[in-house]
């Protein structure tokens, strides 16, 4: 779901972003999903 949200907001994701999402645990995915609401960039969500 996080990947779909990020693609909807920021367009095609770079490989580093896809890898970071795939490696994340459930808690990290939930936290990052909330960041999507306020972040101005992909980098803000995934770092």
PDB file of N, CA and C in Angstrom:
ATOM      1  N   UNK A   1       0.828  -1.189   0.000  1.00  0.00           N
ATOM      2  CA  UNK A   1       0.000   0.000   0.000  1.00  0.00           C
ATOM      3  C   UNK A   1       0.871   1.252   0.000  1.00  0.00           C
ATOM      4  N   UNK A   2       1.955   1.243   0.771  1.00  0.00           N
ATOM      5  CA  UNK A   2       2.840   2.410   0.796  1.00  0.00           C
ATOM      6  C   UNK A   2       3.377   2.712  -0.602  1.00  0.00           C
ATOM      7  N   UNK A   3       3.775   1.690  -1.300  1.00  0.00           N
ATOM      8  CA  UNK A   3       4.306   1.908  -2.654  1.00  0.00           C
ATOM      9  C   UNK A   3       3.256   2.555  -3.548  1.00  0.00           C
ATOM     10  N   UNK A   4       2.047   2.087  -3.477  1.00  0.00           N
ATOM     11  CA  UNK A   4       0.975   2.664  -4.303  1.00  0.00           C
ATOM     12  C   UNK A   4       0.717   4.123  -3.948  1.00  0.00           C
ATOM     13  N   UNK A   5       0.724   4.435  -2.653  1.00  0.00           N
ATOM     14  CA  UNK A   5       0.530   5.815  -2.220  1.00  0.00           C
ATOM     15  C   UNK A   5       1.654   6.719  -2.732  1.00  0.00           C
ATOM     16  N   UNK A   6       2.879   6.234  -2.621  1.00  0.00           N
ATOM     17  CA  UNK A   6       4.025   7.022  -3.075  1.00  0.00           C
ATOM     18  C   UNK A   6       4.001   7.225  -4.586  1.00  0.00           C
ATOM     19  N   UNK A   7       3.650   6.197  -5.321  1.00  0.00           N
ATOM     20  CA  UNK A   7       3.561   6.325  -6.776  1.00  0.00           C
ATOM     21  C   UNK A   7       2.465   7.307  -7.173  1.00  0.00           C
ATOM     22  N   UNK A   8       1.386   7.282  -6.458  1.00  0.00           N
ATOM     23  CA  UNK A   8       0.281   8.204  -6.750  1.00  0.00           C
ATOM     24  C   UNK A   8       0.698   9.650  -6.498  1.00  0.00           C
ATOM     25  N   UNK A   9       1.467   9.850  -5.434  1.00  0.00           N
ATOM     26  CA  UNK A   9       1.862  11.210  -5.054  1.00  0.00           C
ATOM     27  C   UNK A   9       3.092  11.719  -5.803  1.00  0.00           C
ATOM     28  N   UNK A  10       4.086  10.838  -6.001  1.00  0.00           N
ATOM     29  CA  UNK A  10       5.369  11.283  -6.545  1.00  0.00           C
ATOM     30  C   UNK A  10       5.715  10.697  -7.914  1.00  0.00           C
ATOM     31  N   UNK A  11       4.882   9.826  -8.454  1.00  0.00           N
ATOM     32  CA  UNK A  11       5.166   9.222  -9.756  1.00  0.00           C
ATOM     33  C   UNK A  11       6.010   7.957  -9.607  1.00  0.00           C
ATOM     34  N   UNK A  12       6.622   7.547 -10.710  1.00  0.00           N
ATOM     35  CA  UNK A  12       7.438   6.329 -10.693  1.00  0.00           C
ATOM     36  C   UNK A  12       8.532   6.430  -9.637  1.00  0.00           C
ATOM     37  N   UNK A  13       8.725   5.337  -8.900  1.00  0.00           N
ATOM     38  CA  UNK A  13       9.707   5.325  -7.827  1.00  0.00           C
ATOM     39  C   UNK A  13      11.067   4.855  -8.325  1.00  0.00           C
ATOM     40  N   UNK A  14      12.131   5.478  -7.822  1.00  0.00           N
ATOM     41  CA  UNK A  14      13.469   5.008  -8.174  1.00  0.00           C
ATOM     42  C   UNK A  14      13.753   3.663  -7.494  1.00  0.00           C
ATOM     43  N   UNK A  15      14.738   2.949  -7.996  1.00  0.00           N
ATOM     44  CA  UNK A  15      15.075   1.631  -7.446  1.00  0.00           C
ATOM     45  C   UNK A  15      15.387   1.676  -5.968  1.00  0.00           C
ATOM     46  N   UNK A  16      16.078   2.727  -5.503  1.00  0.00           N
ATOM     47  CA  UNK A  16      16.438   2.795  -4.088  1.00  0.00           C
ATOM     48  C   UNK A  16      15.187   2.855  -3.209  1.00  0.00           C
ATOM     49  N   UNK A  17      14.145   3.521  -3.671  1.00  0.00           N
ATOM     50  CA  UNK A  17      12.915   3.630  -2.894  1.00  0.00           C
ATOM     51  C   UNK A  17      12.183   2.289  -2.846  1.00  0.00           C
ATOM     52  N   UNK A  18      12.121   1.608  -3.968  1.00  0.00           N
ATOM     53  CA  UNK A  18      11.468   0.295  -4.017  1.00  0.00           C
ATOM     54  C   UNK A  18      12.195  -0.681  -3.091  1.00  0.00           C
ATOM     55  N   UNK A  19      13.508  -0.648  -3.099  1.00  0.00           N
ATOM     56  CA  UNK A  19      14.296  -1.535  -2.234  1.00  0.00           C
ATOM     57  C   UNK A  19      14.057  -1.230  -0.758  1.00  0.00           C
ATOM     58  N   UNK A  20      14.022   0.043  -0.430  1.00  0.00           N
ATOM     59  CA  UNK A  20      13.816   0.437   0.970  1.00  0.00           C
ATOM     60  C   UNK A  20      12.436   0.004   1.459  1.00  0.00           C
ATOM     61  N   UNK A  21      11.439   0.128   0.623  1.00  0.00           N
ATOM     62  CA  UNK A  21      10.086  -0.309   1.001  1.00  0.00           C
ATOM     63  C   UNK A  21      10.052  -1.817   1.188  1.00  0.00           C
ATOM     64  N   UNK A  22      10.657  -2.556   0.273  1.00  0.00           N
ATOM     65  CA  UNK A  22      10.655  -4.016   0.344  1.00  0.00           C
ATOM     66  C   UNK A  22      11.366  -4.536   1.583  1.00  0.00           C
ATOM     67  N   UNK A  23      12.358  -3.814   2.064  1.00  0.00           N
ATOM     68  CA  UNK A  23      13.145  -4.266   3.209  1.00  0.00           C
ATOM     69  C   UNK A  23      12.558  -3.833   4.553  1.00  0.00           C
ATOM     70  N   UNK A  24      11.562  -2.972   4.532  1.00  0.00           N
ATOM     71  CA  UNK A  24      11.016  -2.414   5.770  1.00  0.00           C
ATOM     72  C   UNK A  24      10.113  -3.405   6.499  1.00  0.00           C
ATOM     73  N   UNK A  25      10.124  -3.307   7.824  1.00  0.00           N
ATOM     74  CA  UNK A  25       9.210  -4.127   8.623  1.00  0.00           C
ATOM     75  C   UNK A  25       7.860  -3.408   8.735  1.00  0.00           C
ATOM     76  N   UNK A  26       6.902  -4.058   9.336  1.00  0.00           N
ATOM     77  CA  UNK A  26       5.541  -3.531   9.412  1.00  0.00           C
ATOM     78  C   UNK A  26       5.473  -2.179  10.102  1.00  0.00           C
ATOM     79  N   UNK A  27       6.165  -2.026  11.203  1.00  0.00           N
ATOM     80  CA  UNK A  27       6.147  -0.762  11.935  1.00  0.00           C
ATOM     81  C   UNK A  27       6.700   0.377  11.087  1.00  0.00           C
ATOM     82  N   UNK A  28       7.810   0.141  10.409  1.00  0.00           N
ATOM     83  CA  UNK A  28       8.397   1.170   9.547  1.00  0.00           C
ATOM     84  C   UNK A  28       7.447   1.533   8.408  1.00  0.00           C
ATOM     85  N   UNK A  29       6.787   0.548   7.831  1.00  0.00           N
ATOM     86  CA  UNK A  29       5.836   0.819   6.751  1.00  0.00           C
ATOM     87  C   UNK A  29       4.675   1.678   7.247  1.00  0.00           C
ATOM     88  N   UNK A  30       4.178   1.384   8.445  1.00  0.00           N
ATOM     89  CA  UNK A  30       3.080   2.175   9.012  1.00  0.00           C
ATOM     90  C   UNK A  30       3.516   3.611   9.262  1.00  0.00           C
ATOM     91  N   UNK A  31       4.694   3.800   9.826  1.00  0.00           N
ATOM     92  CA  UNK A  31       5.198   5.142  10.103  1.00  0.00           C
ATOM     93  C   UNK A  31       5.394   5.929   8.805  1.00  0.00           C
ATOM     94  N   UNK A  32       5.955   5.286   7.814  1.00  0.00           N
ATOM     95  CA  UNK A  32       6.188   5.964   6.536  1.00  0.00           C
ATOM     96  C   UNK A  32       4.881   6.282   5.831  1.00  0.00           C
ATOM     97  N   UNK A  33       3.893   5.423   5.995  1.00  0.00           N
ATOM     98  CA  UNK A  33       2.588   5.690   5.381  1.00  0.00           C
ATOM     99  C   UNK A  33       1.980   6.967   5.934  1.00  0.00           C
ATOM    100  N   UNK A  34       2.169   7.218   7.215  1.00  0.00           N
ATOM    101  CA  UNK A  34       1.668   8.453   7.807  1.00  0.00           C
ATOM    102  C   UNK A  34       2.436   9.666   7.296  1.00  0.00           C
ATOM    103  N   UNK A  35       3.720   9.512   7.038  1.00  0.00           N
ATOM    104  CA  UNK A  35       4.533  10.625   6.536  1.00  0.00           C
ATOM    105  C   UNK A  35       4.081  11.081   5.147  1.00  0.00           C
ATOM    106  N   UNK A  36       3.476  10.185   4.396  1.00  0.00           N
ATOM    107  CA  UNK A  36       3.027  10.530   3.037  1.00  0.00           C
ATOM    108  C   UNK A  36       2.095  11.744   3.082  1.00  0.00           C
ATOM    109  N   UNK A  37       1.347  11.871   4.147  1.00  0.00           N
ATOM    110  CA  UNK A  37       0.370  12.952   4.242  1.00  0.00           C
ATOM    111  C   UNK A  37       1.013  14.334   4.291  1.00  0.00           C
ATOM    112  N   UNK A  38       2.184  14.451   4.910  1.00  0.00           N
ATOM    113  CA  UNK A  38       2.800  15.753   5.129  1.00  0.00           C
ATOM    114  C   UNK A  38       4.087  15.995   4.345  1.00  0.00           C
ATOM    115  N   UNK A  39       4.682  14.964   3.827  1.00  0.00           N
ATOM    116  CA  UNK A  39       5.993  15.091   3.185  1.00  0.00           C
ATOM    117  C   UNK A  39       5.903  15.849   1.864  1.00  0.00           C
ATOM    118  N   UNK A  40       6.934  16.642   1.623  1.00  0.00           N
ATOM    119  CA  UNK A  40       7.016  17.383   0.370  1.00  0.00           C
ATOM    120  C   UNK A  40       7.798  16.618  -0.691  1.00  0.00           C
ATOM    121  N   UNK A  41       8.506  15.552  -0.260  1.00  0.00           N
ATOM    122  CA  UNK A  41       9.315  14.794  -1.204  1.00  0.00           C
ATOM    123  C   UNK A  41       9.357  13.320  -0.817  1.00  0.00           C
ATOM    124  N   UNK A  42       9.724  12.511  -1.764  1.00  0.00           N
ATOM    125  CA  UNK A  42       9.903  11.079  -1.528  1.00  0.00           C
ATOM    126  C   UNK A  42      10.970  10.851  -0.465  1.00  0.00           C
ATOM    127  N   UNK A  43      12.014  11.626  -0.532  1.00  0.00           N
ATOM    128  CA  UNK A  43      13.112  11.514   0.422  1.00  0.00           C
ATOM    129  C   UNK A  43      12.622  11.735   1.858  1.00  0.00           C
ATOM    130  N   UNK A  44      11.727  12.660   2.062  1.00  0.00           N
ATOM    131  CA  UNK A  44      11.186  12.921   3.397  1.00  0.00           C
ATOM    132  C   UNK A  44      10.402  11.723   3.939  1.00  0.00           C
ATOM    133  N   UNK A  45       9.765  11.004   3.082  1.00  0.00           N
ATOM    134  CA  UNK A  45       8.979   9.845   3.516  1.00  0.00           C
ATOM    135  C   UNK A  45       9.880   8.675   3.892  1.00  0.00           C
ATOM    136  N   UNK A  46      10.899   8.432   3.091  1.00  0.00           N
ATOM    137  CA  UNK A  46      11.680   7.202   3.251  1.00  0.00           C
ATOM    138  C   UNK A  46      12.961   7.341   4.050  1.00  0.00           C
ATOM    139  N   UNK A  47      13.296   8.529   4.494  1.00  0.00           N
ATOM    140  CA  UNK A  47      14.494   8.689   5.327  1.00  0.00           C
ATOM    141  C   UNK A  47      14.163   9.062   6.733  1.00  0.00           C
TER     142      UNK A  47
END
